[in-house]
Amino acid sequence: MAKGSFAGPVRHAAPCGGMFFVALAALGLASCGSFSSGPSQSSGGDFVASAPVTPVQSEPLASPPGTPAALSGDQIGTGPIHVAMILPLTQGAGAPSLVGTSLRNAADLAVSETGGNDVTIFVKDDRSTPDGARDAAQAAVAEGDQVILGPLFSPNVRTVSQIAQPAGKSVVAFSTDTATARPGVYLLSFLIENYVDRVVDYAAQQGKRSFAALVPDNDYGHVAQAEFQQYTARRGLRVMGMETYQPQTLRAAVQKIAALDNQIDTLFIPEQADAMPMMAQTLAAAGLNSRRVQILGTGLWNDTRVLSLPALQGAWFAAPDNAGFTAFAARYRAKFNSDPTRIATLGYDAAALAVALARRPGTDHFSQAVLTNRAGFNGVDGVFRFLPNGLNVRALAILQIDNGTTAPLSPAPRILTANSSAM
């Protein structure tokens, strides 16, 4: 994300239970209960990443044996403001979905920590299908729910938006497919574009000027490549070489980049964690490492499979601060006796956002003007705001890979500038 801050001060409430929601100064959300608790067009796949996690292509995650049946049609809270949350609680022949259950539980945790007397969240199962999403959205509109939180998968977001927008209902969705975003349909997820902008921006601040890129020939790589090209052009940085590769052409692509020798000082690799061991081995064989050229990656590198690779020691990548998720996961574990999925923070932040905005005076709690207020919000993974086009800006830290762990180089900003397009 490109870095930035919001226009005007963002006042923070005193922490409650370890987390807090940003008080929108302009909206008067300054109390602890306001939200307390303790990037371009993609080709259509969902990269499920509220933070660095392996992408999931528009399909639900399988549940492990023994996962309890997902709740369908249940409600969270007892408040007068009615909110719908559409989640993939079940999949296939009705088997419970781990990711849907985790998102639902996180919303429950948020409401219990921020105050259950403000909203009632009606949880609806989209059955991990567009047809299920249609049924859920139609029910939400018919029942008078004021805003729709979710769904997760991009085809379902498109379906829900076709029903919600004519009814004047805002949608806060969890997909990372930027093609689903538009005015009135806001993406809460971490977007690939934001990772790219933040790490390239930081490299430029450190004096890096001549870039190259090794880009996997897949949906994730295509989105990252497009943003890399646009952002380096905006910053006036030189791109001396760019190679797209399939697994069978990786060695040849790396050798072409290595042949650039002293023409480059930075190498960007938007590859996923499971493919990085082979990438690192190929880089090492070509004599490429962060002592010779500064290597950059995305938040997907915050993974033990990547952090211990010798060729990547000293590499930089952008990611949310780990502290927020660590604290959230401990509270989730205490309440539900299980570990949350990494994207469960989306469910938490969406529910806490609904509580915060429900406390606003007046009746336009979830209007486009309210949701896109430049003061923004602070969630489990840091500061964020929604842009009028439905995308978001998020605060990311810069981390350096250091002997199997990470060392912080630049903290995530606590506020965003008014004119920033990403963090």
Protein backbone atom coordinates (compact mmCIF):
# COMPACT_ATOMS: atom_id res chain seq x y z
CA MET A 1 0.00 0.00 0.00
CA ALA A 2 1.13 3.38 -0.61
CA LYS A 3 1.75 5.01 2.67
CA GLY A 4 -0.11 7.94 3.94
CA SER A 5 -2.20 9.48 6.55
CA PHE A 6 -5.63 10.86 6.89
CA ALA A 7 -6.54 14.45 6.55
CA GLY A 8 -7.01 15.82 9.95
CA PRO A 9 -6.27 14.23 13.29
CA VAL A 10 -7.46 10.76 14.11
CA ARG A 11 -8.19 10.64 17.79
CA HIS A 12 -7.67 7.32 19.47
CA ALA A 13 -9.78 6.10 22.31
CA ALA A 14 -8.10 4.70 25.35
CA PRO A 15 -7.46 1.01 24.84
CA CYS A 16 -10.17 -1.32 26.07
CA GLY A 17 -9.16 -4.92 26.48
CA GLY A 18 -6.03 -4.46 24.41
CA MET A 19 -7.44 -3.10 21.13
CA PHE A 20 -9.30 0.00 20.16
CA PHE A 21 -11.16 1.53 17.30
CA VAL A 22 -10.23 4.86 15.86
CA ALA A 23 -12.44 7.67 16.89
CA LEU A 24 -13.47 9.56 13.83
CA ALA A 25 -12.89 13.09 15.02
CA ALA A 26 -15.48 14.46 12.67
CA LEU A 27 -18.02 11.88 13.75
CA GLY A 28 -17.43 12.09 17.45
CA LEU A 29 -16.35 8.47 17.89
CA ALA A 30 -13.93 9.18 20.65
CA SER A 31 -14.92 6.77 23.34
CA CYS A 32 -13.33 3.45 24.07
CA GLY A 33 -16.49 1.72 22.96
CA SER A 34 -16.39 3.29 19.54
CA PHE A 35 -14.41 0.36 18.21
CA SER A 36 -12.89 -1.26 21.16
CA SER A 37 -11.51 -4.65 21.96
CA GLY A 38 -9.03 -5.12 23.69
CA PRO A 39 -4.84 -1.23 -4.61
CA SER A 40 -6.02 -1.49 -10.13
CA GLN A 41 -7.97 -4.29 -11.55
CA SER A 42 -7.46 -7.96 -10.86
CA SER A 43 -8.34 -10.79 -13.10
CA GLY A 44 -11.01 -12.05 -10.77
CA GLY A 45 -9.42 -14.34 -8.20
CA ASP A 46 -9.61 -13.73 -4.49
CA PHE A 47 -6.36 -13.41 -2.64
CA VAL A 48 -7.71 -13.95 0.83
CA ALA A 49 -5.32 -11.89 2.87
CA SER A 50 -6.33 -9.71 5.73
CA ALA A 51 -2.63 -9.96 6.19
CA PRO A 52 0.02 -12.23 4.73
CA VAL A 53 -1.59 -15.56 4.01
CA THR A 54 -1.57 -17.91 1.06
CA PRO A 55 -4.04 -16.80 -1.60
CA VAL A 56 -7.31 -18.63 -1.97
CA GLN A 57 -8.85 -18.53 -5.43
CA SER A 58 -12.55 -17.82 -4.95
CA GLU A 59 -13.10 -21.07 -3.08
CA PRO A 60 -13.83 -21.85 0.58
CA LEU A 61 -11.25 -23.34 2.87
CA ALA A 62 -11.85 -26.92 3.90
CA SER A 63 -12.69 -27.62 7.53
CA PRO A 64 -10.63 -30.03 9.57
CA PRO A 65 -12.31 -33.09 11.07
CA GLY A 66 -14.28 -32.25 14.19
CA THR A 67 -15.12 -28.66 13.24
CA PRO A 68 -18.52 -27.88 14.77
CA ALA A 69 -21.42 -27.23 12.45
CA ALA A 70 -21.57 -23.61 11.34
CA LEU A 71 -24.39 -21.48 12.62
CA SER A 72 -26.83 -20.27 10.01
CA GLY A 73 -29.33 -17.51 10.58
CA ASP A 74 -28.08 -16.73 14.08
CA GLN A 75 -27.69 -13.28 15.50
CA ILE A 76 -25.01 -11.44 17.45
CA GLY A 77 -25.94 -8.65 19.85
CA THR A 78 -29.28 -7.19 20.84
CA GLY A 79 -29.08 -3.59 19.64
CA PRO A 80 -31.65 -1.56 17.69
CA ILE A 81 -29.44 -1.07 14.62
CA HIS A 82 -29.79 -4.13 12.38
CA VAL A 83 -26.83 -5.28 10.32
CA ALA A 84 -26.40 -8.27 7.99
CA MET A 85 -23.22 -10.32 7.84
CA ILE A 86 -23.00 -12.70 4.88
CA LEU A 87 -20.40 -15.43 5.32
CA PRO A 88 -19.41 -18.78 3.75
CA LEU A 89 -20.51 -20.76 6.79
CA THR A 90 -21.00 -23.93 4.77
CA GLN A 91 -19.61 -25.35 1.54
CA GLY A 92 -20.14 -28.23 -0.83
CA ALA A 93 -22.80 -30.55 0.53
CA GLY A 94 -23.29 -28.42 3.60
CA ALA A 95 -20.03 -29.14 5.40
CA PRO A 96 -19.01 -26.36 7.78
CA SER A 97 -16.37 -23.93 6.56
CA LEU A 98 -13.46 -23.13 8.85
CA VAL A 99 -12.93 -19.67 7.41
CA GLY A 100 -16.63 -18.74 7.64
CA THR A 101 -16.89 -19.95 11.20
CA SER A 102 -13.76 -18.04 12.14
CA LEU A 103 -15.08 -14.81 10.64
CA ARG A 104 -18.38 -15.28 12.45
CA ASN A 105 -16.70 -15.95 15.79
CA ALA A 106 -14.47 -12.91 15.37
CA ALA A 107 -17.57 -10.75 14.85
CA ASP A 108 -19.06 -12.23 18.00
CA LEU A 109 -15.88 -11.36 19.89
CA ALA A 110 -15.97 -7.78 18.58
CA VAL A 111 -19.56 -7.21 19.64
CA SER A 112 -18.96 -8.67 23.08
CA GLU A 113 -15.93 -6.41 23.53
CA THR A 114 -17.39 -3.23 22.06
CA GLY A 115 -20.94 -3.45 23.38
CA GLY A 116 -23.76 -5.73 22.31
CA ASN A 117 -26.52 -3.21 22.97
CA ASP A 118 -25.78 -1.09 19.89
CA VAL A 119 -26.31 -3.48 16.99
CA THR A 120 -27.87 -6.79 16.15
CA ILE A 121 -25.87 -8.60 13.49
CA PHE A 122 -27.89 -11.18 11.59
CA VAL A 123 -25.46 -13.80 10.31
CA LYS A 124 -26.46 -15.31 6.97
CA ASP A 125 -24.85 -18.26 5.21
CA ASP A 126 -24.13 -17.77 1.49
CA ARG A 127 -23.25 -21.49 1.21
CA SER A 128 -20.03 -20.38 -0.55
CA THR A 129 -21.99 -19.82 -3.78
CA PRO A 130 -23.36 -16.81 -5.69
CA ASP A 131 -26.87 -18.27 -5.45
CA GLY A 132 -26.54 -18.49 -1.70
CA ALA A 133 -25.21 -14.94 -1.61
CA ARG A 134 -28.22 -13.78 -3.62
CA ASP A 135 -30.62 -15.40 -1.18
CA ALA A 136 -28.81 -13.88 1.79
CA ALA A 137 -28.72 -10.39 0.27
CA GLN A 138 -32.39 -10.50 -0.64
CA ALA A 139 -33.23 -11.50 2.91
CA ALA A 140 -31.06 -8.71 4.31
CA VAL A 141 -32.83 -6.09 2.20
CA ALA A 142 -36.29 -7.50 2.94
CA GLU A 143 -35.57 -7.53 6.68
CA GLY A 144 -34.39 -3.92 6.67
CA ASP A 145 -30.76 -4.47 7.63
CA GLN A 146 -28.96 -1.15 7.31
CA VAL A 147 -25.61 -2.36 5.98
CA ILE A 148 -24.19 -5.65 4.68
CA LEU A 149 -20.86 -6.95 5.99
CA GLY A 150 -19.25 -9.54 3.70
CA PRO A 151 -19.30 -11.70 1.71
CA LEU A 152 -15.82 -13.11 1.17
CA PHE A 153 -15.57 -14.57 -2.34
CA SER A 154 -15.57 -12.21 -5.32
CA PRO A 155 -18.43 -13.79 -7.33
CA ASN A 156 -20.58 -13.53 -4.22
CA VAL A 157 -19.61 -9.89 -3.68
CA ARG A 158 -20.74 -9.09 -7.23
CA THR A 159 -24.05 -10.82 -6.64
CA VAL A 160 -24.67 -9.09 -3.32
CA SER A 161 -23.81 -5.66 -4.74
CA GLN A 162 -26.38 -6.13 -7.53
CA ILE A 163 -29.07 -6.45 -4.87
CA ALA A 164 -27.76 -4.10 -2.20
CA GLN A 165 -26.96 -1.07 -4.34
CA PRO A 166 -30.43 -0.58 -5.87
CA ALA A 167 -31.79 -0.82 -2.33
CA GLY A 168 -29.40 1.87 -1.12
CA LYS A 169 -27.46 -0.46 1.17
CA SER A 170 -23.70 -0.11 1.57
CA VAL A 171 -21.57 -3.27 1.46
CA VAL A 172 -18.32 -3.78 3.38
CA ALA A 173 -16.88 -6.88 1.70
CA PHE A 174 -13.93 -9.12 2.47
CA SER A 175 -12.75 -9.96 -1.07
CA THR A 176 -9.38 -8.82 -2.35
CA ASP A 177 -10.56 -8.74 -5.96
CA THR A 178 -10.40 -5.02 -6.68
CA ALA A 179 -12.72 -5.46 -9.67
CA THR A 180 -15.58 -5.90 -7.18
CA ALA A 181 -15.01 -2.51 -5.55
CA ARG A 182 -17.09 0.54 -6.45
CA PRO A 183 -18.82 3.41 -4.67
CA GLY A 184 -21.05 1.76 -2.11
CA VAL A 185 -19.09 -1.54 -2.16
CA TYR A 186 -16.01 -1.19 0.03
CA LEU A 187 -13.23 -3.75 0.43
CA LEU A 188 -11.94 -4.22 3.96
CA SER A 189 -9.24 -6.74 3.00
CA PHE A 190 -5.55 -6.14 2.49
CA LEU A 191 -4.97 -5.43 -1.18
CA ILE A 192 -1.95 -6.50 -3.18
CA GLU A 193 -1.52 -2.98 -4.49
CA ASN A 194 -0.97 -1.66 -0.99
CA TYR A 195 1.84 -4.11 -0.29
CA VAL A 196 3.53 -3.09 -3.55
CA ASP A 197 3.23 0.65 -3.03
CA ARG A 198 4.47 0.56 0.55
CA VAL A 199 7.61 -1.51 -0.06
CA VAL A 200 8.57 0.32 -3.29
CA ASP A 201 7.98 3.67 -1.60
CA TYR A 202 10.22 2.67 1.31
CA ALA A 203 12.97 1.49 -1.03
CA ALA A 204 12.84 4.82 -2.86
CA GLN A 205 13.11 6.64 0.46
CA GLN A 206 16.29 4.67 1.14
CA GLY A 207 17.80 5.93 -2.11
CA LYS A 208 17.01 2.97 -4.39
CA ARG A 209 16.47 4.13 -7.97
CA SER A 210 17.06 1.25 -10.42
CA PHE A 211 14.62 -1.62 -10.15
CA ALA A 212 14.03 -5.01 -11.72
CA ALA A 213 11.24 -7.50 -11.12
CA LEU A 214 10.72 -11.26 -11.25
CA VAL A 215 6.98 -11.83 -11.59
CA PRO A 216 5.11 -15.16 -11.42
CA ASP A 217 2.76 -15.71 -14.33
CA ASN A 218 -0.42 -16.00 -12.28
CA ASP A 219 -3.25 -13.78 -11.05
CA TYR A 220 -1.36 -12.54 -8.00
CA GLY A 221 1.71 -11.75 -10.06
CA HIS A 222 -0.28 -9.93 -12.74
CA VAL A 223 -1.92 -7.61 -10.22
CA ALA A 224 1.38 -6.96 -8.45
CA GLN A 225 3.17 -6.34 -11.76
CA ALA A 226 0.59 -3.80 -12.93
CA GLU A 227 0.81 -1.87 -9.67
CA PHE A 228 4.62 -2.06 -9.64
CA GLN A 229 4.80 -0.56 -13.12
CA GLN A 230 2.35 2.20 -12.29
CA TYR A 231 3.90 3.08 -8.94
CA THR A 232 7.51 3.15 -10.11
CA ALA A 233 6.42 5.40 -12.99
CA ARG A 234 4.67 7.76 -10.56
CA ARG A 235 7.79 7.91 -8.38
CA GLY A 236 10.12 8.43 -11.35
CA LEU A 237 12.04 5.20 -10.66
CA ARG A 238 13.85 3.26 -13.38
CA VAL A 239 12.74 -0.27 -14.19
CA MET A 240 15.71 -1.85 -15.94
CA GLY A 241 14.25 -5.31 -16.41
CA MET A 242 11.11 -7.32 -15.77
CA GLU A 243 10.80 -11.07 -16.29
CA THR A 244 7.58 -13.07 -16.03
CA TYR A 245 8.03 -16.77 -15.39
CA GLN A 246 6.36 -20.13 -15.01
CA PRO A 247 8.06 -22.74 -12.76
CA GLN A 248 9.77 -24.30 -15.79
CA THR A 249 11.17 -20.95 -16.97
CA LEU A 250 12.23 -19.62 -13.56
CA ARG A 251 15.94 -20.37 -13.99
CA ALA A 252 16.13 -18.56 -17.34
CA ALA A 253 14.23 -15.55 -15.94
CA VAL A 254 16.56 -15.27 -12.95
CA GLN A 255 19.64 -15.49 -15.17
CA LYS A 256 18.34 -12.60 -17.30
CA ILE A 257 17.93 -10.46 -14.18
CA ALA A 258 21.36 -11.49 -12.90
CA ALA A 259 22.85 -10.40 -16.23
CA LEU A 260 21.77 -6.82 -15.47
CA ASP A 261 24.54 -6.87 -12.84
CA ASN A 262 25.29 -3.35 -11.53
CA GLN A 263 22.51 -1.72 -13.54
CA ILE A 264 20.03 -2.43 -10.75
CA ASP A 265 20.03 -1.83 -7.00
CA THR A 266 16.63 -3.37 -6.20
CA LEU A 267 14.81 -6.56 -7.18
CA PHE A 268 11.06 -6.95 -6.58
CA ILE A 269 9.64 -10.50 -6.33
CA PRO A 270 5.87 -10.73 -5.68
CA GLU A 271 5.91 -14.47 -5.13
CA GLN A 272 3.93 -16.54 -2.64
CA ALA A 273 5.46 -18.28 0.35
CA ASP A 274 5.17 -21.83 -0.92
CA ALA A 275 7.12 -20.99 -4.08
CA MET A 276 9.90 -19.05 -2.36
CA PRO A 277 12.22 -21.98 -1.45
CA MET A 278 12.69 -22.77 -5.15
CA MET A 279 13.02 -19.06 -5.92
CA ALA A 280 15.66 -18.63 -3.22
CA GLN A 281 17.62 -21.63 -4.48
CA THR A 282 17.56 -20.24 -8.02
CA LEU A 283 18.60 -16.78 -6.84
CA ALA A 284 21.52 -18.23 -4.90
CA ALA A 285 22.69 -20.22 -7.93
CA ALA A 286 22.73 -16.97 -9.94
CA GLY A 287 24.59 -15.09 -7.20
CA LEU A 288 21.62 -12.87 -6.31
CA ASN A 289 21.00 -11.96 -2.68
CA SER A 290 20.31 -8.84 -0.62
CA ARG A 291 24.04 -8.13 -0.23
CA ARG A 292 24.31 -7.71 -3.98
CA VAL A 293 20.90 -6.21 -4.70
CA GLN A 294 18.12 -5.23 -2.32
CA ILE A 295 15.32 -7.80 -2.61
CA LEU A 296 11.71 -6.72 -2.03
CA GLY A 297 8.58 -8.80 -1.49
CA THR A 298 4.99 -8.56 -0.31
CA GLY A 299 3.26 -9.40 2.94
CA LEU A 300 2.92 -13.04 1.90
CA TRP A 301 6.55 -13.42 2.95
CA ASN A 302 5.69 -13.15 6.64
CA ASP A 303 5.90 -16.93 6.79
CA THR A 304 8.39 -19.27 8.44
CA ARG A 305 9.00 -20.98 5.07
CA VAL A 306 10.43 -17.71 3.77
CA LEU A 307 12.12 -16.18 6.78
CA SER A 308 14.79 -18.89 7.08
CA LEU A 309 15.89 -18.93 3.42
CA PRO A 310 19.59 -17.92 3.17
CA ALA A 311 19.25 -15.99 -0.11
CA LEU A 312 16.53 -13.80 1.39
CA GLN A 313 18.29 -12.68 4.53
CA GLY A 314 18.18 -8.88 4.51
CA ALA A 315 15.18 -8.74 2.14
CA TRP A 316 12.41 -6.20 2.83
CA PHE A 317 8.66 -6.64 2.65
CA ALA A 318 5.55 -4.74 3.72
CA ALA A 319 3.11 -6.26 6.19
CA PRO A 320 0.72 -5.27 8.94
CA ASP A 321 2.13 -5.03 12.43
CA ASN A 322 2.02 -8.49 14.01
CA ALA A 323 1.18 -7.22 17.49
CA GLY A 324 -2.48 -6.55 16.75
CA PHE A 325 -3.18 -10.03 15.43
CA THR A 326 -1.23 -11.67 18.24
CA ALA A 327 -3.36 -9.94 20.88
CA PHE A 328 -6.57 -10.65 18.95
CA ALA A 329 -5.69 -14.32 18.53
CA ALA A 330 -5.10 -14.73 22.26
CA ARG A 331 -8.53 -13.29 23.09
CA TYR A 332 -10.18 -15.39 20.35
CA ARG A 333 -8.50 -18.52 21.67
CA ALA A 334 -9.68 -17.79 25.20
CA LYS A 335 -13.29 -17.36 24.06
CA PHE A 336 -13.60 -20.13 21.46
CA ASN A 337 -10.88 -22.58 22.49
CA SER A 338 -9.48 -22.65 18.95
CA ASP A 339 -7.16 -20.61 16.77
CA PRO A 340 -8.60 -18.02 14.38
CA THR A 341 -7.78 -18.06 10.70
CA ARG A 342 -5.55 -15.16 9.73
CA ILE A 343 -8.38 -13.35 7.97
CA ALA A 344 -10.64 -13.52 11.01
CA THR A 345 -9.58 -9.95 11.75
CA LEU A 346 -11.83 -8.88 8.89
CA GLY A 347 -14.86 -10.21 10.74
CA TYR A 348 -13.76 -8.50 13.92
CA ASP A 349 -13.10 -5.14 12.31
CA ALA A 350 -16.32 -5.19 10.27
CA ALA A 351 -18.42 -5.86 13.36
CA ALA A 352 -16.56 -3.31 15.47
CA LEU A 353 -16.98 -0.75 12.68
CA ALA A 354 -20.73 -1.39 12.66
CA VAL A 355 -20.89 -0.82 16.42
CA ALA A 356 -18.87 2.38 16.20
CA LEU A 357 -20.97 3.87 13.40
CA ALA A 358 -24.23 2.77 15.02
CA ARG A 359 -23.40 5.13 17.89
CA ARG A 360 -23.32 8.08 15.54
CA PRO A 361 -26.14 10.59 15.96
CA GLY A 362 -28.69 10.61 13.18
CA THR A 363 -29.89 7.90 10.85
CA ASP A 364 -27.24 7.78 8.11
CA HIS A 365 -24.96 5.50 10.09
CA PHE A 366 -23.56 3.64 7.08
CA SER A 367 -23.82 6.11 4.22
CA GLN A 368 -21.04 6.48 1.67
CA ALA A 369 -20.05 9.83 3.17
CA VAL A 370 -19.67 8.26 6.61
CA LEU A 371 -17.76 5.19 5.44
CA THR A 372 -15.32 7.22 3.34
CA ASN A 373 -14.62 9.88 5.96
CA ARG A 374 -10.95 10.75 5.59
CA ALA A 375 -10.30 10.41 9.32
CA GLY A 376 -10.49 6.66 8.87
CA PHE A 377 -10.46 3.80 11.33
CA ASN A 378 -8.06 1.75 13.38
CA GLY A 379 -8.61 -2.00 13.36
CA VAL A 380 -6.85 -5.09 14.58
CA ASP A 381 -4.17 -4.80 11.86
CA GLY A 382 -3.77 -1.02 12.04
CA VAL A 383 -5.09 2.16 10.48
CA PHE A 384 -7.24 2.00 7.36
CA ARG A 385 -9.74 4.04 5.43
CA PHE A 386 -12.11 3.39 2.56
CA LEU A 387 -11.68 5.31 -0.67
CA PRO A 388 -14.69 6.61 -2.63
CA ASN A 389 -14.03 4.03 -5.37
CA GLY A 390 -14.43 1.17 -2.87
CA LEU A 391 -10.73 0.40 -2.40
CA ASN A 392 -8.87 1.09 0.80
CA VAL A 393 -5.71 2.59 2.20
CA ARG A 394 -3.95 0.71 5.00
CA ALA A 395 -0.98 1.38 7.23
CA LEU A 396 1.77 -1.19 6.80
CA ALA A 397 5.12 -1.71 8.45
CA ILE A 398 8.35 -2.53 6.63
CA LEU A 399 10.05 -5.65 7.93
CA GLN A 400 13.49 -7.07 7.16
CA ILE A 401 14.13 -10.82 7.08
CA ASP A 402 16.70 -11.54 9.77
CA ASN A 403 17.84 -15.09 10.59
CA GLY A 404 14.45 -16.77 10.64
CA THR A 405 12.53 -13.85 12.05
CA THR A 406 11.73 -10.26 11.12
CA ALA A 407 13.23 -6.99 12.23
CA PRO A 408 11.11 -3.83 11.96
CA LEU A 409 12.64 -1.14 9.76
CA SER A 410 9.73 1.29 9.52
CA PRO A 411 6.63 1.13 11.71
CA ALA A 412 3.15 1.27 10.29
CA PRO A 413 1.93 4.89 10.32
CA ARG A 414 -0.64 5.73 12.95
CA ILE A 415 -2.36 8.27 10.71
CA LEU A 416 -2.73 8.58 6.96
CA THR A 417 -2.24 11.69 4.87
CA ALA A 418 -5.22 13.22 3.15
CA ASN A 419 -3.95 12.68 -0.37
CA SER A 420 -2.39 9.24 -0.01
CA SER A 421 -3.75 6.52 -2.25
CA ALA A 422 -2.19 3.71 -0.30
CA MET A 423 0.08 3.19 2.64
